[in-house]
Amino acid sequence: MEQTLLNIGFGSSVVAERVVAIISPNSAPMKRLKDDAKEEKRLVDATHGRKTRAIIVMDSNHIVLSYVQSETISQRYVTLKESK
């Protein structure tokens, strides 16, 4: 079974088929989502110490943080889906 990887920045990738949502981290509910995931050890930080610009929700209930803008990641996701 071939998996398509979605580049989320700094050489980090996630399996595109497992992405549920790509969202901006600026609202209070998203900050709460991130804090809850961290507390429950479901948070994956791929920002390399930089500001979080996108939150990626996975079907495994993990939350992935990225430095790349959510719009950029969304466009990469759409491009991957169109190329299939």
PDB file of N, CA and C in Angstrom:
ATOM      1  N   MET A   1       0.840  -1.180   0.000  1.00  0.00           N
ATOM      2  CA  MET A   1       0.000   0.000   0.000  1.00  0.00           C
ATOM      3  C   MET A   1       0.886   1.244   0.000  1.00  0.00           C
ATOM      4  N   GLU A   2       0.742   2.052  -1.020  1.00  0.00           N
ATOM      5  CA  GLU A   2       1.552   3.254  -1.149  1.00  0.00           C
ATOM      6  C   GLU A   2       0.916   4.412  -0.391  1.00  0.00           C
ATOM      7  N   GLN A   3       1.731   5.137   0.367  1.00  0.00           N
ATOM      8  CA  GLN A   3       1.244   6.280   1.129  1.00  0.00           C
ATOM      9  C   GLN A   3       1.805   7.564   0.531  1.00  0.00           C
ATOM     10  N   THR A   4       0.953   8.585   0.454  1.00  0.00           N
ATOM     11  CA  THR A   4       1.360   9.888  -0.048  1.00  0.00           C
ATOM     12  C   THR A   4       1.729  10.759   1.139  1.00  0.00           C
ATOM     13  N   LEU A   5       2.943  11.325   1.109  1.00  0.00           N
ATOM     14  CA  LEU A   5       3.395  12.160   2.211  1.00  0.00           C
ATOM     15  C   LEU A   5       3.159  13.633   1.901  1.00  0.00           C
ATOM     16  N   LEU A   6       2.686  14.359   2.906  1.00  0.00           N
ATOM     17  CA  LEU A   6       2.436  15.778   2.815  1.00  0.00           C
ATOM     18  C   LEU A   6       3.545  16.507   3.560  1.00  0.00           C
ATOM     19  N   ASN A   7       4.288  17.356   2.855  1.00  0.00           N
ATOM     20  CA  ASN A   7       5.384  18.116   3.441  1.00  0.00           C
ATOM     21  C   ASN A   7       4.805  19.210   4.331  1.00  0.00           C
ATOM     22  N   ILE A   8       5.195  19.215   5.614  1.00  0.00           N
ATOM     23  CA  ILE A   8       4.706  20.243   6.537  1.00  0.00           C
ATOM     24  C   ILE A   8       5.833  21.163   6.998  1.00  0.00           C
ATOM     25  N   GLY A   9       6.981  21.084   6.330  1.00  0.00           N
ATOM     26  CA  GLY A   9       8.086  21.992   6.613  1.00  0.00           C
ATOM     27  C   GLY A   9       9.238  21.358   7.342  1.00  0.00           C
ATOM     28  N   PHE A  10      10.436  21.902   7.096  1.00  0.00           N
ATOM     29  CA  PHE A  10      11.679  21.481   7.750  1.00  0.00           C
ATOM     30  C   PHE A  10      11.953  19.989   7.603  1.00  0.00           C
ATOM     31  N   GLY A  11      11.574  19.430   6.467  1.00  0.00           N
ATOM     32  CA  GLY A  11      11.821  18.019   6.217  1.00  0.00           C
ATOM     33  C   GLY A  11      10.850  17.081   6.910  1.00  0.00           C
ATOM     34  N   SER A  12       9.835  17.635   7.541  1.00  0.00           N
ATOM     35  CA  SER A  12       8.826  16.815   8.219  1.00  0.00           C
ATOM     36  C   SER A  12       7.652  16.561   7.285  1.00  0.00           C
ATOM     37  N   SER A  13       7.066  15.380   7.405  1.00  0.00           N
ATOM     38  CA  SER A  13       5.923  15.002   6.576  1.00  0.00           C
ATOM     39  C   SER A  13       4.919  14.220   7.400  1.00  0.00           C
ATOM     40  N   VAL A  14       3.678  14.241   6.929  1.00  0.00           N
ATOM     41  CA  VAL A  14       2.627  13.403   7.503  1.00  0.00           C
ATOM     42  C   VAL A  14       1.976  12.644   6.348  1.00  0.00           C
ATOM     43  N   VAL A  15       1.311  11.547   6.659  1.00  0.00           N
ATOM     44  CA  VAL A  15       0.614  10.777   5.634  1.00  0.00           C
ATOM     45  C   VAL A  15      -0.657  11.545   5.261  1.00  0.00           C
ATOM     46  N   ALA A  16      -0.743  11.960   4.009  1.00  0.00           N
ATOM     47  CA  ALA A  16      -1.836  12.822   3.547  1.00  0.00           C
ATOM     48  C   ALA A  16      -3.213  12.204   3.776  1.00  0.00           C
ATOM     49  N   GLU A  17      -3.331  10.904   3.599  1.00  0.00           N
ATOM     50  CA  GLU A  17      -4.619  10.237   3.748  1.00  0.00           C
ATOM     51  C   GLU A  17      -5.139  10.263   5.189  1.00  0.00           C
ATOM     52  N   ARG A  18      -4.273  10.536   6.143  1.00  0.00           N
ATOM     53  CA  ARG A  18      -4.661  10.521   7.557  1.00  0.00           C
ATOM     54  C   ARG A  18      -4.987  11.908   8.099  1.00  0.00           C
ATOM     55  N   VAL A  19      -4.857  12.944   7.246  1.00  0.00           N
ATOM     56  CA  VAL A  19      -5.146  14.317   7.668  1.00  0.00           C
ATOM     57  C   VAL A  19      -6.658  14.529   7.696  1.00  0.00           C
ATOM     58  N   VAL A  20      -7.155  15.022   8.825  1.00  0.00           N
ATOM     59  CA  VAL A  20      -8.573  15.321   8.980  1.00  0.00           C
ATOM     60  C   VAL A  20      -8.820  16.805   8.721  1.00  0.00           C
ATOM     61  N   ALA A  21      -7.937  17.669   9.251  1.00  0.00           N
ATOM     62  CA  ALA A  21      -8.117  19.113   9.101  1.00  0.00           C
ATOM     63  C   ALA A  21      -6.782  19.830   9.201  1.00  0.00           C
ATOM     64  N   ILE A  22      -6.701  20.965   8.504  1.00  0.00           N
ATOM     65  CA  ILE A  22      -5.547  21.857   8.575  1.00  0.00           C
ATOM     66  C   ILE A  22      -6.113  23.216   8.965  1.00  0.00           C
ATOM     67  N   ILE A  23      -5.742  23.697  10.149  1.00  0.00           N
ATOM     68  CA  ILE A  23      -6.364  24.911  10.663  1.00  0.00           C
ATOM     69  C   ILE A  23      -5.343  25.913  11.180  1.00  0.00           C
ATOM     70  N   SER A  24      -5.773  27.163  11.220  1.00  0.00           N
ATOM     71  CA  SER A  24      -4.955  28.240  11.764  1.00  0.00           C
ATOM     72  C   SER A  24      -5.014  28.181  13.289  1.00  0.00           C
ATOM     73  N   PRO A  25      -3.913  28.448  13.967  1.00  0.00           N
ATOM     74  CA  PRO A  25      -3.868  28.286  15.429  1.00  0.00           C
ATOM     75  C   PRO A  25      -4.309  29.504  16.240  1.00  0.00           C
ATOM     76  N   ASN A  26      -4.866  30.517  15.602  1.00  0.00           N
ATOM     77  CA  ASN A  26      -5.061  31.804  16.271  1.00  0.00           C
ATOM     78  C   ASN A  26      -6.265  31.913  17.196  1.00  0.00           C
ATOM     79  N   SER A  27      -7.261  31.074  17.064  1.00  0.00           N
ATOM     80  CA  SER A  27      -8.457  31.206  17.900  1.00  0.00           C
ATOM     81  C   SER A  27      -8.281  30.503  19.253  1.00  0.00           C
ATOM     82  N   ALA A  28      -9.083  30.926  20.201  1.00  0.00           N
ATOM     83  CA  ALA A  28      -9.025  30.326  21.536  1.00  0.00           C
ATOM     84  C   ALA A  28      -9.327  28.830  21.519  1.00  0.00           C
ATOM     85  N   PRO A  29     -10.336  28.363  20.756  1.00  0.00           N
ATOM     86  CA  PRO A  29     -10.582  26.910  20.723  1.00  0.00           C
ATOM     87  C   PRO A  29      -9.386  26.115  20.190  1.00  0.00           C
ATOM     88  N   MET A  30      -8.654  26.670  19.237  1.00  0.00           N
ATOM     89  CA  MET A  30      -7.485  25.961  18.694  1.00  0.00           C
ATOM     90  C   MET A  30      -6.358  25.922  19.721  1.00  0.00           C
ATOM     91  N   LYS A  31      -6.202  26.979  20.488  1.00  0.00           N
ATOM     92  CA  LYS A  31      -5.193  26.987  21.557  1.00  0.00           C
ATOM     93  C   LYS A  31      -5.550  25.947  22.618  1.00  0.00           C
ATOM     94  N   ARG A  32      -6.836  25.833  22.907  1.00  0.00           N
ATOM     95  CA  ARG A  32      -7.303  24.834  23.878  1.00  0.00           C
ATOM     96  C   ARG A  32      -7.083  23.422  23.333  1.00  0.00           C
ATOM     97  N   LEU A  33      -7.360  23.221  22.049  1.00  0.00           N
ATOM     98  CA  LEU A  33      -7.124  21.927  21.401  1.00  0.00           C
ATOM     99  C   LEU A  33      -5.657  21.532  21.520  1.00  0.00           C
ATOM    100  N   LYS A  34      -4.771  22.489  21.258  1.00  0.00           N
ATOM    101  CA  LYS A  34      -3.324  22.252  21.345  1.00  0.00           C
ATOM    102  C   LYS A  34      -2.915  21.934  22.785  1.00  0.00           C
ATOM    103  N   ASP A  35      -3.421  22.685  23.734  1.00  0.00           N
ATOM    104  CA  ASP A  35      -3.084  22.462  25.149  1.00  0.00           C
ATOM    105  C   ASP A  35      -3.580  21.103  25.640  1.00  0.00           C
ATOM    106  N   ASP A  36      -4.801  20.731  25.233  1.00  0.00           N
ATOM    107  CA  ASP A  36      -5.342  19.425  25.621  1.00  0.00           C
ATOM    108  C   ASP A  36      -4.508  18.286  25.037  1.00  0.00           C
ATOM    109  N   ALA A  37      -4.110  18.428  23.779  1.00  0.00           N
ATOM    110  CA  ALA A  37      -3.294  17.391  23.132  1.00  0.00           C
ATOM    111  C   ALA A  37      -1.942  17.262  23.828  1.00  0.00           C
ATOM    112  N   LYS A  38      -1.371  18.389  24.221  1.00  0.00           N
ATOM    113  CA  LYS A  38      -0.076  18.363  24.914  1.00  0.00           C
ATOM    114  C   LYS A  38      -0.203  17.641  26.253  1.00  0.00           C
ATOM    115  N   GLU A  39      -1.263  17.954  26.965  1.00  0.00           N
ATOM    116  CA  GLU A  39      -1.493  17.334  28.275  1.00  0.00           C
ATOM    117  C   GLU A  39      -1.693  15.824  28.154  1.00  0.00           C
ATOM    118  N   GLU A  40      -2.358  15.400  27.073  1.00  0.00           N
ATOM    119  CA  GLU A  40      -2.640  13.980  26.859  1.00  0.00           C
ATOM    120  C   GLU A  40      -1.558  13.268  26.046  1.00  0.00           C
ATOM    121  N   LYS A  41      -0.457  13.964  25.772  1.00  0.00           N
ATOM    122  CA  LYS A  41       0.689  13.418  25.037  1.00  0.00           C
ATOM    123  C   LYS A  41       0.310  12.954  23.627  1.00  0.00           C
ATOM    124  N   ARG A  42      -0.540  13.748  22.962  1.00  0.00           N
ATOM    125  CA  ARG A  42      -0.934  13.497  21.575  1.00  0.00           C
ATOM    126  C   ARG A  42      -0.402  14.585  20.639  1.00  0.00           C
ATOM    127  N   LEU A  43       0.457  15.451  21.156  1.00  0.00           N
ATOM    128  CA  LEU A  43       0.958  16.601  20.405  1.00  0.00           C
ATOM    129  C   LEU A  43       2.299  16.277  19.767  1.00  0.00           C
ATOM    130  N   VAL A  44       2.415  16.580  18.469  1.00  0.00           N
ATOM    131  CA  VAL A  44       3.673  16.426  17.747  1.00  0.00           C
ATOM    132  C   VAL A  44       4.078  17.818  17.278  1.00  0.00           C
ATOM    133  N   ASP A  45       5.218  18.306  17.763  1.00  0.00           N
ATOM    134  CA  ASP A  45       5.679  19.655  17.427  1.00  0.00           C
ATOM    135  C   ASP A  45       6.732  19.575  16.329  1.00  0.00           C
ATOM    136  N   ALA A  46       6.363  20.005  15.121  1.00  0.00           N
ATOM    137  CA  ALA A  46       7.286  20.004  13.983  1.00  0.00           C
ATOM    138  C   ALA A  46       7.686  21.430  13.615  1.00  0.00           C
ATOM    139  N   THR A  47       7.652  22.344  14.593  1.00  0.00           N
ATOM    140  CA  THR A  47       7.971  23.752  14.321  1.00  0.00           C
ATOM    141  C   THR A  47       9.458  24.063  14.442  1.00  0.00           C
ATOM    142  N   HIS A  48      10.218  23.171  15.032  1.00  0.00           N
ATOM    143  CA  HIS A  48      11.649  23.386  15.280  1.00  0.00           C
ATOM    144  C   HIS A  48      11.891  24.678  16.060  1.00  0.00           C
ATOM    145  N   GLY A  49      11.041  24.920  17.053  1.00  0.00           N
ATOM    146  CA  GLY A  49      11.216  26.065  17.939  1.00  0.00           C
ATOM    147  C   GLY A  49      10.681  27.375  17.392  1.00  0.00           C
ATOM    148  N   ARG A  50      10.052  27.346  16.248  1.00  0.00           N
ATOM    149  CA  ARG A  50       9.502  28.568  15.661  1.00  0.00           C
ATOM    150  C   ARG A  50       8.016  28.695  16.004  1.00  0.00           C
ATOM    151  N   LYS A  51       7.440  29.826  15.603  1.00  0.00           N
ATOM    152  CA  LYS A  51       6.026  30.103  15.872  1.00  0.00           C
ATOM    153  C   LYS A  51       5.130  29.091  15.145  1.00  0.00           C
ATOM    154  N   THR A  52       4.094  28.625  15.834  1.00  0.00           N
ATOM    155  CA  THR A  52       3.122  27.709  15.220  1.00  0.00           C
ATOM    156  C   THR A  52       2.223  28.499  14.291  1.00  0.00           C
ATOM    157  N   ARG A  53       2.192  28.090  13.017  1.00  0.00           N
ATOM    158  CA  ARG A  53       1.358  28.771  12.025  1.00  0.00           C
ATOM    159  C   ARG A  53       0.270  27.868  11.465  1.00  0.00           C
ATOM    160  N   ALA A  54       0.309  26.585  11.798  1.00  0.00           N
ATOM    161  CA  ALA A  54      -0.728  25.653  11.354  1.00  0.00           C
ATOM    162  C   ALA A  54      -0.857  24.520  12.354  1.00  0.00           C
ATOM    163  N   ILE A  55      -2.091  24.078  12.525  1.00  0.00           N
ATOM    164  CA  ILE A  55      -2.388  22.906  13.341  1.00  0.00           C
ATOM    165  C   ILE A  55      -2.993  21.867  12.409  1.00  0.00           C
ATOM    166  N   ILE A  56      -2.425  20.677  12.425  1.00  0.00           N
ATOM    167  CA  ILE A  56      -2.908  19.599  11.570  1.00  0.00           C
ATOM    168  C   ILE A  56      -3.517  18.526  12.479  1.00  0.00           C
ATOM    169  N   VAL A  57      -4.780  18.234  12.244  1.00  0.00           N
ATOM    170  CA  VAL A  57      -5.491  17.223  13.025  1.00  0.00           C
ATOM    171  C   VAL A  57      -5.440  15.919  12.228  1.00  0.00           C
ATOM    172  N   MET A  58      -4.970  14.859  12.879  1.00  0.00           N
ATOM    173  CA  MET A  58      -4.840  13.559  12.222  1.00  0.00           C
ATOM    174  C   MET A  58      -5.972  12.631  12.656  1.00  0.00           C
ATOM    175  N   ASP A  59      -6.249  11.610  11.858  1.00  0.00           N
ATOM    176  CA  ASP A  59      -7.318  10.666  12.192  1.00  0.00           C
ATOM    177  C   ASP A  59      -6.971   9.790  13.400  1.00  0.00           C
ATOM    178  N   SER A  60      -5.717   9.799  13.801  1.00  0.00           N
ATOM    179  CA  SER A  60      -5.285   9.050  14.987  1.00  0.00           C
ATOM    180  C   SER A  60      -5.503   9.851  16.273  1.00  0.00           C
ATOM    181  N   ASN A  61      -6.117  11.043  16.136  1.00  0.00           N
ATOM    182  CA  ASN A  61      -6.381  11.970  17.240  1.00  0.00           C
ATOM    183  C   ASN A  61      -5.120  12.716  17.676  1.00  0.00           C
ATOM    184  N   HIS A  62      -4.044  12.626  16.899  1.00  0.00           N
ATOM    185  CA  HIS A  62      -2.842  13.396  17.179  1.00  0.00           C
ATOM    186  C   HIS A  62      -2.987  14.797  16.580  1.00  0.00           C
ATOM    187  N   ILE A  63      -2.321  15.757  17.208  1.00  0.00           N
ATOM    188  CA  ILE A  63      -2.298  17.125  16.740  1.00  0.00           C
ATOM    189  C   ILE A  63      -0.850  17.429  16.361  1.00  0.00           C
ATOM    190  N   VAL A  64      -0.638  17.894  15.124  1.00  0.00           N
ATOM    191  CA  VAL A  64       0.705  18.192  14.633  1.00  0.00           C
ATOM    192  C   VAL A  64       0.814  19.700  14.434  1.00  0.00           C
ATOM    193  N   LEU A  65       1.864  20.293  15.000  1.00  0.00           N
ATOM    194  CA  LEU A  65       2.104  21.725  14.843  1.00  0.00           C
ATOM    195  C   LEU A  65       3.141  21.954  13.756  1.00  0.00           C
ATOM    196  N   SER A  66       2.908  22.990  12.930  1.00  0.00           N
ATOM    197  CA  SER A  66       3.839  23.301  11.856  1.00  0.00           C
ATOM    198  C   SER A  66       4.118  24.797  11.812  1.00  0.00           C
ATOM    199  N   TYR A  67       5.322  25.137  11.370  1.00  0.00           N
ATOM    200  CA  TYR A  67       5.726  26.525  11.186  1.00  0.00           C
ATOM    201  C   TYR A  67       5.194  27.077   9.867  1.00  0.00           C
ATOM    202  N   VAL A  68       4.900  26.215   8.915  1.00  0.00           N
ATOM    203  CA  VAL A  68       4.416  26.618   7.595  1.00  0.00           C
ATOM    204  C   VAL A  68       2.960  27.081   7.717  1.00  0.00           C
ATOM    205  N   GLN A  69       2.605  28.142   6.996  1.00  0.00           N
ATOM    206  CA  GLN A  69       1.244  28.686   7.020  1.00  0.00           C
ATOM    207  C   GLN A  69       0.220  27.615   6.668  1.00  0.00           C
ATOM    208  N   SER A  70      -0.933  27.652   7.327  1.00  0.00           N
ATOM    209  CA  SER A  70      -1.980  26.666   7.064  1.00  0.00           C
ATOM    210  C   SER A  70      -2.455  26.721   5.612  1.00  0.00           C
ATOM    211  N   GLU A  71      -2.480  27.909   5.003  1.00  0.00           N
ATOM    212  CA  GLU A  71      -2.889  28.045   3.603  1.00  0.00           C
ATOM    213  C   GLU A  71      -1.921  27.317   2.678  1.00  0.00           C
ATOM    214  N   THR A  72      -0.633  27.393   2.986  1.00  0.00           N
ATOM    215  CA  THR A  72       0.393  26.722   2.176  1.00  0.00           C
ATOM    216  C   THR A  72       0.244  25.209   2.272  1.00  0.00           C
ATOM    217  N   ILE A  73       0.062  24.707   3.478  1.00  0.00           N
ATOM    218  CA  ILE A  73      -0.102  23.268   3.667  1.00  0.00           C
ATOM    219  C   ILE A  73      -1.381  22.795   2.983  1.00  0.00           C
ATOM    220  N   SER A  74      -2.450  23.579   3.095  1.00  0.00           N
ATOM    221  CA  SER A  74      -3.709  23.227   2.436  1.00  0.00           C
ATOM    222  C   SER A  74      -3.536  23.148   0.927  1.00  0.00           C
ATOM    223  N   GLN A  75      -2.796  24.087   0.360  1.00  0.00           N
ATOM    224  CA  GLN A  75      -2.564  24.074  -1.082  1.00  0.00           C
ATOM    225  C   GLN A  75      -1.746  22.842  -1.488  1.00  0.00           C
ATOM    226  N   ARG A  76      -0.753  22.493  -0.692  1.00  0.00           N
ATOM    227  CA  ARG A  76       0.035  21.285  -0.961  1.00  0.00           C
ATOM    228  C   ARG A  76      -0.853  20.051  -0.914  1.00  0.00           C
ATOM    229  N   TYR A  77      -1.769  20.029   0.051  1.00  0.00           N
ATOM    230  CA  TYR A  77      -2.699  18.899   0.204  1.00  0.00           C
ATOM    231  C   TYR A  77      -3.596  18.773  -1.026  1.00  0.00           C
ATOM    232  N   VAL A  78      -4.152  19.890  -1.470  1.00  0.00           N
ATOM    233  CA  VAL A  78      -5.021  19.886  -2.651  1.00  0.00           C
ATOM    234  C   VAL A  78      -4.244  19.423  -3.879  1.00  0.00           C
ATOM    235  N   THR A  79      -3.024  19.902  -4.033  1.00  0.00           N
ATOM    236  CA  THR A  79      -2.182  19.501  -5.162  1.00  0.00           C
ATOM    237  C   THR A  79      -1.918  17.993  -5.153  1.00  0.00           C
ATOM    238  N   LEU A  80      -1.651  17.440  -3.968  1.00  0.00           N
ATOM    239  CA  LEU A  80      -1.446  15.994  -3.851  1.00  0.00           C
ATOM    240  C   LEU A  80      -2.695  15.215  -4.250  1.00  0.00           C
ATOM    241  N   LYS A  81      -3.851  15.678  -3.791  1.00  0.00           N
ATOM    242  CA  LYS A  81      -5.107  14.984  -4.079  1.00  0.00           C
ATOM    243  C   LYS A  81      -5.443  15.054  -5.560  1.00  0.00           C
ATOM    244  N   GLU A  82      -5.149  16.190  -6.200  1.00  0.00           N
ATOM    245  CA  GLU A  82      -5.435  16.350  -7.633  1.00  0.00           C
ATOM    246  C   GLU A  82      -4.516  15.498  -8.494  1.00  0.00           C
ATOM    247  N   SER A  83      -3.308  15.239  -8.023  1.00  0.00           N
ATOM    248  CA  SER A  83      -2.341  14.482  -8.817  1.00  0.00           C
ATOM    249  C   SER A  83      -2.606  12.968  -8.778  1.00  0.00           C
ATOM    250  N   LYS A  84      -3.501  12.522  -7.926  1.00  0.00           N
ATOM    251  CA  LYS A  84      -3.809  11.085  -7.819  1.00  0.00           C
ATOM    252  C   LYS A  84      -4.741  10.637  -8.892  1.00  0.00           C
TER     253      LYS A  84
END
